[in-house]
Amino acid sequence: MTAARPRVVLLDHGLGNVHSAAKAIEAGGADVTLTADRRQVLEADGLVVPGVGSMAAVMAGIDAVHGGELIGRRLAGGRPVLGICVGMQVLFASGEEGGGDVAGLDEWPGVVRRLDAPVLPHMGWAEVEAPEASTLFAGIRDERFYFVHSYAATEWLIDPHPRIRQPQVTWAEHGERFIAAVENGPLSATQFHPEKSGEAGLRLLGNWVRSL
């Protein structure tokens, strides 16, 4: 008897690379639905928060569908969430895009700021430094991933706790070091686009799907 495929919801907030992301997640072994329906978001095995454009615009879209509350409720129940690109940036406390102060979802402390780099946006393939204990990067630590961004979080501000499993933080560099991915209990995120990262990206999404 074939095991049921995990059910993944792509949060439909109006700003995201949703079609290619859906195909990539399906290739990773899940059934995917694009929706902001409350019941489906809360009951899915996994929730993906996509995002392209500015952090302010993505936050406005998330607020419009009560996405912050839904993400918070899933995480409170230990139910997996994956943010992609700006969908990762909104998980931090705030952002400086456009010279302003954009409030994020504040799941992690820190500010998403403009990278100090000679050329922006950072666009193209880059290597990442993944920790040995990473689940997302199991078997793919020597691969390159596709980035398109000018802003990123450059500090990880959660202090280690001896009784809590430590978050797995992956780094990359463009002008300066920045956070390329985080695995923190049920909450994971990537600054790069796994759905645009070829075979390595498909394997990463497959790793996440298998963890559901």
C-alpha atoms as a PDB file:
ATOM      1  CA  MET A   1       0.000   0.000   0.000  1.00  0.00           C
ATOM      2  CA  THR A   2       1.427   3.367  -1.046  1.00  0.00           C
ATOM      3  CA  ALA A   3       1.852   5.905   1.758  1.00  0.00           C
ATOM      4  CA  ALA A   4      -0.140   9.122   1.404  1.00  0.00           C
ATOM      5  CA  ARG A   5       1.832  12.103   0.149  1.00  0.00           C
ATOM      6  CA  PRO A   6       2.180  14.993   2.616  1.00  0.00           C
ATOM      7  CA  ARG A   7      -0.216  17.896   2.045  1.00  0.00           C
ATOM      8  CA  VAL A   8       1.528  21.258   1.628  1.00  0.00           C
ATOM      9  CA  VAL A   9      -0.166  24.645   1.356  1.00  0.00           C
ATOM     10  CA  LEU A  10       1.509  27.536  -0.468  1.00  0.00           C
ATOM     11  CA  LEU A  11       0.219  30.640   1.304  1.00  0.00           C
ATOM     12  CA  ASP A  12      -1.621  32.721  -1.285  1.00  0.00           C
ATOM     13  CA  HIS A  13      -0.822  36.305  -0.292  1.00  0.00           C
ATOM     14  CA  GLY A  14      -0.418  37.621  -3.840  1.00  0.00           C
ATOM     15  CA  LEU A  15       3.378  37.951  -4.039  1.00  0.00           C
ATOM     16  CA  GLY A  16       5.443  34.855  -4.703  1.00  0.00           C
ATOM     17  CA  ASN A  17       6.994  32.620  -7.312  1.00  0.00           C
ATOM     18  CA  VAL A  18       4.090  30.257  -6.697  1.00  0.00           C
ATOM     19  CA  HIS A  19       3.821  28.176  -9.874  1.00  0.00           C
ATOM     20  CA  SER A  20       7.456  27.084 -10.053  1.00  0.00           C
ATOM     21  CA  ALA A  21       7.512  26.621  -6.283  1.00  0.00           C
ATOM     22  CA  ALA A  22       4.423  24.396  -6.431  1.00  0.00           C
ATOM     23  CA  LYS A  23       5.956  22.232  -9.161  1.00  0.00           C
ATOM     24  CA  ALA A  24       9.236  21.906  -7.256  1.00  0.00           C
ATOM     25  CA  ILE A  25       7.499  20.930  -3.997  1.00  0.00           C
ATOM     26  CA  GLU A  26       5.357  18.405  -5.875  1.00  0.00           C
ATOM     27  CA  ALA A  27       8.557  16.957  -7.359  1.00  0.00           C
ATOM     28  CA  GLY A  28       9.813  16.684  -3.773  1.00  0.00           C
ATOM     29  CA  GLY A  29       6.953  14.336  -2.938  1.00  0.00           C
ATOM     30  CA  ALA A  30       4.041  16.471  -1.679  1.00  0.00           C
ATOM     31  CA  ASP A  31       0.580  17.402  -2.887  1.00  0.00           C
ATOM     32  CA  VAL A  32       0.393  21.215  -3.094  1.00  0.00           C
ATOM     33  CA  THR A  33      -2.518  23.644  -2.783  1.00  0.00           C
ATOM     34  CA  LEU A  34      -2.282  27.417  -3.303  1.00  0.00           C
ATOM     35  CA  THR A  35      -4.685  29.008  -0.825  1.00  0.00           C
ATOM     36  CA  ALA A  36      -5.122  31.344   2.137  1.00  0.00           C
ATOM     37  CA  ASP A  37      -8.102  29.380   3.459  1.00  0.00           C
ATOM     38  CA  ARG A  38      -7.758  29.288   7.230  1.00  0.00           C
ATOM     39  CA  ARG A  39      -8.698  25.644   7.739  1.00  0.00           C
ATOM     40  CA  GLN A  40      -6.460  24.373   4.955  1.00  0.00           C
ATOM     41  CA  VAL A  41      -3.501  26.479   6.129  1.00  0.00           C
ATOM     42  CA  LEU A  42      -3.799  25.240   9.708  1.00  0.00           C
ATOM     43  CA  GLU A  43      -4.439  21.575   8.863  1.00  0.00           C
ATOM     44  CA  ALA A  44      -1.798  21.071   6.146  1.00  0.00           C
ATOM     45  CA  ASP A  45       1.243  18.933   6.919  1.00  0.00           C
ATOM     46  CA  GLY A  46       3.452  21.814   5.804  1.00  0.00           C
ATOM     47  CA  LEU A  47       3.026  25.520   4.990  1.00  0.00           C
ATOM     48  CA  VAL A  48       5.270  27.374   2.538  1.00  0.00           C
ATOM     49  CA  VAL A  49       5.455  31.190   2.687  1.00  0.00           C
ATOM     50  CA  PRO A  50       6.778  32.453  -0.668  1.00  0.00           C
ATOM     51  CA  GLY A  51       7.798  36.028  -1.380  1.00  0.00           C
ATOM     52  CA  VAL A  52       9.214  38.199  -4.135  1.00  0.00           C
ATOM     53  CA  GLY A  53       9.607  41.969  -4.321  1.00  0.00           C
ATOM     54  CA  SER A  54       9.859  44.166  -1.240  1.00  0.00           C
ATOM     55  CA  MET A  55       9.445  43.098   2.368  1.00  0.00           C
ATOM     56  CA  ALA A  56       6.829  45.839   2.851  1.00  0.00           C
ATOM     57  CA  ALA A  57       4.709  44.559  -0.031  1.00  0.00           C
ATOM     58  CA  VAL A  58       4.941  40.936   1.095  1.00  0.00           C
ATOM     59  CA  MET A  59       4.041  41.898   4.668  1.00  0.00           C
ATOM     60  CA  ALA A  60       1.007  43.811   3.359  1.00  0.00           C
ATOM     61  CA  GLY A  61      -0.090  40.713   1.454  1.00  0.00           C
ATOM     62  CA  ILE A  62       0.436  38.483   4.487  1.00  0.00           C
ATOM     63  CA  ASP A  63      -1.495  40.884   6.715  1.00  0.00           C
ATOM     64  CA  ALA A  64      -4.374  40.967   4.221  1.00  0.00           C
ATOM     65  CA  VAL A  65      -4.937  37.208   4.612  1.00  0.00           C
ATOM     66  CA  HIS A  66      -4.179  37.138   8.368  1.00  0.00           C
ATOM     67  CA  GLY A  67      -1.041  35.187   7.543  1.00  0.00           C
ATOM     68  CA  GLY A  68       0.874  36.257  10.635  1.00  0.00           C
ATOM     69  CA  GLU A  69      -1.755  34.775  12.924  1.00  0.00           C
ATOM     70  CA  LEU A  70      -1.925  31.555  10.892  1.00  0.00           C
ATOM     71  CA  ILE A  71       1.853  31.130  10.864  1.00  0.00           C
ATOM     72  CA  GLY A  72       1.973  31.791  14.603  1.00  0.00           C
ATOM     73  CA  ARG A  73      -0.739  29.244  15.334  1.00  0.00           C
ATOM     74  CA  ARG A  74       1.006  26.587  13.258  1.00  0.00           C
ATOM     75  CA  LEU A  75       4.314  27.174  15.000  1.00  0.00           C
ATOM     76  CA  ALA A  76       2.678  27.147  18.443  1.00  0.00           C
ATOM     77  CA  GLY A  77       1.427  23.666  17.595  1.00  0.00           C
ATOM     78  CA  GLY A  78       4.803  22.519  16.260  1.00  0.00           C
ATOM     79  CA  ARG A  79       3.518  22.349  12.661  1.00  0.00           C
ATOM     80  CA  PRO A  80       6.175  22.969   9.969  1.00  0.00           C
ATOM     81  CA  VAL A  81       6.524  26.259   8.078  1.00  0.00           C
ATOM     82  CA  LEU A  82       9.052  27.058   5.324  1.00  0.00           C
ATOM     83  CA  GLY A  83       9.768  30.624   4.180  1.00  0.00           C
ATOM     84  CA  ILE A  84      11.382  31.314   0.798  1.00  0.00           C
ATOM     85  CA  CYS A  85      13.310  34.494  -0.174  1.00  0.00           C
ATOM     86  CA  VAL A  86      11.260  37.474   1.088  1.00  0.00           C
ATOM     87  CA  GLY A  87       9.156  34.802   2.807  1.00  0.00           C
ATOM     88  CA  MET A  88      12.265  34.300   4.966  1.00  0.00           C
ATOM     89  CA  GLN A  89      12.913  38.011   5.493  1.00  0.00           C
ATOM     90  CA  VAL A  90       9.438  38.639   6.945  1.00  0.00           C
ATOM     91  CA  LEU A  91      10.177  36.140   9.728  1.00  0.00           C
ATOM     92  CA  PHE A  92      12.642  38.592  11.294  1.00  0.00           C
ATOM     93  CA  ALA A  93      11.610  41.467  13.552  1.00  0.00           C
ATOM     94  CA  SER A  94      12.009  44.271  11.014  1.00  0.00           C
ATOM     95  CA  GLY A  95      13.497  45.402   7.712  1.00  0.00           C
ATOM     96  CA  GLU A  96      15.101  48.556   6.365  1.00  0.00           C
ATOM     97  CA  GLU A  97      14.050  48.299   2.740  1.00  0.00           C
ATOM     98  CA  GLY A  98      13.391  51.698   1.147  1.00  0.00           C
ATOM     99  CA  GLY A  99      15.049  53.485   4.057  1.00  0.00           C
ATOM    100  CA  GLY A 100      12.090  52.781   6.320  1.00  0.00           C
ATOM    101  CA  ASP A 101      11.333  50.522   9.244  1.00  0.00           C
ATOM    102  CA  VAL A 102       9.155  47.645   8.080  1.00  0.00           C
ATOM    103  CA  ALA A 103       7.703  45.490  10.850  1.00  0.00           C
ATOM    104  CA  GLY A 104       8.150  41.772  10.260  1.00  0.00           C
ATOM    105  CA  LEU A 105       6.516  38.789  11.946  1.00  0.00           C
ATOM    106  CA  ASP A 106       9.154  38.798  14.709  1.00  0.00           C
ATOM    107  CA  GLU A 107       9.596  35.044  14.872  1.00  0.00           C
ATOM    108  CA  TRP A 108      13.331  35.738  15.040  1.00  0.00           C
ATOM    109  CA  PRO A 109      15.074  38.856  16.382  1.00  0.00           C
ATOM    110  CA  GLY A 110      17.078  40.925  13.961  1.00  0.00           C
ATOM    111  CA  VAL A 111      16.914  43.419  11.118  1.00  0.00           C
ATOM    112  CA  VAL A 112      16.896  42.666   7.394  1.00  0.00           C
ATOM    113  CA  ARG A 113      19.106  45.338   5.841  1.00  0.00           C
ATOM    114  CA  ARG A 114      20.712  46.276   2.537  1.00  0.00           C
ATOM    115  CA  LEU A 115      23.856  44.265   1.897  1.00  0.00           C
ATOM    116  CA  ASP A 116      27.166  46.096   1.883  1.00  0.00           C
ATOM    117  CA  ALA A 117      28.287  44.857  -1.535  1.00  0.00           C
ATOM    118  CA  PRO A 118      29.787  46.452  -4.669  1.00  0.00           C
ATOM    119  CA  VAL A 119      27.021  45.083  -6.916  1.00  0.00           C
ATOM    120  CA  LEU A 120      23.341  44.750  -6.048  1.00  0.00           C
ATOM    121  CA  PRO A 121      21.109  42.925  -6.408  1.00  0.00           C
ATOM    122  CA  HIS A 122      22.956  39.745  -5.551  1.00  0.00           C
ATOM    123  CA  MET A 123      21.761  37.677  -8.490  1.00  0.00           C
ATOM    124  CA  GLY A 124      23.027  34.245  -9.438  1.00  0.00           C
ATOM    125  CA  TRP A 125      24.480  31.037  -8.068  1.00  0.00           C
ATOM    126  CA  ALA A 126      26.438  30.951  -4.822  1.00  0.00           C
ATOM    127  CA  GLU A 127      27.850  28.428  -2.406  1.00  0.00           C
ATOM    128  CA  VAL A 128      26.526  28.174   1.135  1.00  0.00           C
ATOM    129  CA  GLU A 129      28.057  27.096   4.450  1.00  0.00           C
ATOM    130  CA  ALA A 130      25.614  24.614   5.982  1.00  0.00           C
ATOM    131  CA  PRO A 131      26.130  23.064   9.440  1.00  0.00           C
ATOM    132  CA  GLU A 132      26.766  19.338   9.682  1.00  0.00           C
ATOM    133  CA  ALA A 133      23.530  18.760  11.609  1.00  0.00           C
ATOM    134  CA  SER A 134      21.358  20.390   8.933  1.00  0.00           C
ATOM    135  CA  THR A 135      18.330  18.428   7.739  1.00  0.00           C
ATOM    136  CA  LEU A 136      17.607  20.688   4.761  1.00  0.00           C
ATOM    137  CA  PHE A 137      21.117  20.310   3.343  1.00  0.00           C
ATOM    138  CA  ALA A 138      21.573  16.597   4.028  1.00  0.00           C
ATOM    139  CA  GLY A 139      23.546  15.224   1.093  1.00  0.00           C
ATOM    140  CA  ILE A 140      23.825  18.587  -0.700  1.00  0.00           C
ATOM    141  CA  ARG A 141      26.328  20.643   1.310  1.00  0.00           C
ATOM    142  CA  ASP A 142      28.715  21.164  -1.609  1.00  0.00           C
ATOM    143  CA  GLU A 143      26.079  22.493  -4.029  1.00  0.00           C
ATOM    144  CA  ARG A 144      25.308  26.014  -5.214  1.00  0.00           C
ATOM    145  CA  PHE A 145      21.927  27.759  -4.940  1.00  0.00           C
ATOM    146  CA  TYR A 146      20.227  30.596  -6.817  1.00  0.00           C
ATOM    147  CA  PHE A 147      19.875  33.997  -5.105  1.00  0.00           C
ATOM    148  CA  VAL A 148      18.052  37.177  -6.173  1.00  0.00           C
ATOM    149  CA  HIS A 149      18.093  39.821  -3.421  1.00  0.00           C
ATOM    150  CA  SER A 150      19.614  43.050  -2.169  1.00  0.00           C
ATOM    151  CA  TYR A 151      18.591  42.735   1.486  1.00  0.00           C
ATOM    152  CA  ALA A 152      19.326  40.040   4.047  1.00  0.00           C
ATOM    153  CA  ALA A 153      19.772  39.353   7.738  1.00  0.00           C
ATOM    154  CA  THR A 154      23.468  39.506   8.591  1.00  0.00           C
ATOM    155  CA  GLU A 155      23.350  38.513  12.273  1.00  0.00           C
ATOM    156  CA  TRP A 156      21.851  35.589  14.186  1.00  0.00           C
ATOM    157  CA  LEU A 157      20.787  36.972  17.560  1.00  0.00           C
ATOM    158  CA  ILE A 158      19.303  33.979  19.410  1.00  0.00           C
ATOM    159  CA  ASP A 159      21.656  32.931  22.199  1.00  0.00           C
ATOM    160  CA  PRO A 160      22.363  29.205  22.641  1.00  0.00           C
ATOM    161  CA  HIS A 161      20.445  27.401  25.399  1.00  0.00           C
ATOM    162  CA  PRO A 162      21.844  24.179  26.860  1.00  0.00           C
ATOM    163  CA  ARG A 163      18.424  22.489  27.086  1.00  0.00           C
ATOM    164  CA  ILE A 164      17.089  23.460  23.670  1.00  0.00           C
ATOM    165  CA  ARG A 165      18.187  22.028  20.322  1.00  0.00           C
ATOM    166  CA  GLN A 166      20.212  24.729  18.643  1.00  0.00           C
ATOM    167  CA  PRO A 167      18.945  26.320  15.426  1.00  0.00           C
ATOM    168  CA  GLN A 168      20.907  25.328  12.338  1.00  0.00           C
ATOM    169  CA  VAL A 169      22.046  28.518  10.582  1.00  0.00           C
ATOM    170  CA  THR A 170      23.491  28.410   7.057  1.00  0.00           C
ATOM    171  CA  TRP A 171      25.587  31.301   5.737  1.00  0.00           C
ATOM    172  CA  ALA A 172      26.579  32.713   2.346  1.00  0.00           C
ATOM    173  CA  GLU A 173      28.601  35.717   1.233  1.00  0.00           C
ATOM    174  CA  HIS A 174      28.080  38.608  -1.155  1.00  0.00           C
ATOM    175  CA  GLY A 175      30.151  41.599  -0.095  1.00  0.00           C
ATOM    176  CA  GLU A 176      29.587  40.407   3.474  1.00  0.00           C
ATOM    177  CA  ARG A 177      28.320  37.289   5.226  1.00  0.00           C
ATOM    178  CA  PHE A 178      24.579  36.910   5.470  1.00  0.00           C
ATOM    179  CA  ILE A 179      22.115  34.265   6.594  1.00  0.00           C
ATOM    180  CA  ALA A 180      21.238  31.959   3.702  1.00  0.00           C
ATOM    181  CA  ALA A 181      18.959  29.553   5.599  1.00  0.00           C
ATOM    182  CA  VAL A 182      17.687  28.745   9.071  1.00  0.00           C
ATOM    183  CA  GLU A 183      16.247  25.587  10.624  1.00  0.00           C
ATOM    184  CA  ASN A 184      14.674  26.379  13.986  1.00  0.00           C
ATOM    185  CA  GLY A 185      12.324  23.674  15.231  1.00  0.00           C
ATOM    186  CA  PRO A 186       9.217  23.646  13.011  1.00  0.00           C
ATOM    187  CA  LEU A 187      10.271  26.923  11.332  1.00  0.00           C
ATOM    188  CA  SER A 188      12.698  26.813   8.388  1.00  0.00           C
ATOM    189  CA  ALA A 189      13.565  29.325   5.706  1.00  0.00           C
ATOM    190  CA  THR A 190      15.904  29.985   2.786  1.00  0.00           C
ATOM    191  CA  GLN A 191      17.064  33.326   1.397  1.00  0.00           C
ATOM    192  CA  PHE A 192      17.759  31.668  -1.957  1.00  0.00           C
ATOM    193  CA  HIS A 193      15.126  30.202  -4.276  1.00  0.00           C
ATOM    194  CA  PRO A 194      15.241  26.383  -4.057  1.00  0.00           C
ATOM    195  CA  GLU A 195      12.647  26.167  -6.838  1.00  0.00           C
ATOM    196  CA  LYS A 196      15.142  27.940  -9.157  1.00  0.00           C
ATOM    197  CA  SER A 197      18.192  26.033  -7.922  1.00  0.00           C
ATOM    198  CA  GLY A 198      18.055  22.998 -10.189  1.00  0.00           C
ATOM    199  CA  GLU A 199      18.619  19.503  -8.834  1.00  0.00           C
ATOM    200  CA  ALA A 200      20.116  20.785  -5.552  1.00  0.00           C
ATOM    201  CA  GLY A 201      17.015  22.858  -4.853  1.00  0.00           C
ATOM    202  CA  LEU A 202      14.707  19.932  -5.611  1.00  0.00           C
ATOM    203  CA  ARG A 203      16.685  17.735  -3.227  1.00  0.00           C
ATOM    204  CA  LEU A 204      16.488  20.391  -0.503  1.00  0.00           C
ATOM    205  CA  LEU A 205      12.717  20.645  -0.893  1.00  0.00           C
ATOM    206  CA  GLY A 206      12.551  16.862  -0.870  1.00  0.00           C
ATOM    207  CA  ASN A 207      14.466  16.845   2.419  1.00  0.00           C
ATOM    208  CA  TRP A 208      11.925  19.272   3.881  1.00  0.00           C
ATOM    209  CA  VAL A 209       8.939  17.288   2.595  1.00  0.00           C
ATOM    210  CA  ARG A 210      10.337  14.078   4.080  1.00  0.00           C
ATOM    211  CA  SER A 211      10.656  15.810   7.459  1.00  0.00           C
ATOM    212  CA  LEU A 212       6.929  16.603   7.599  1.00  0.00           C
END
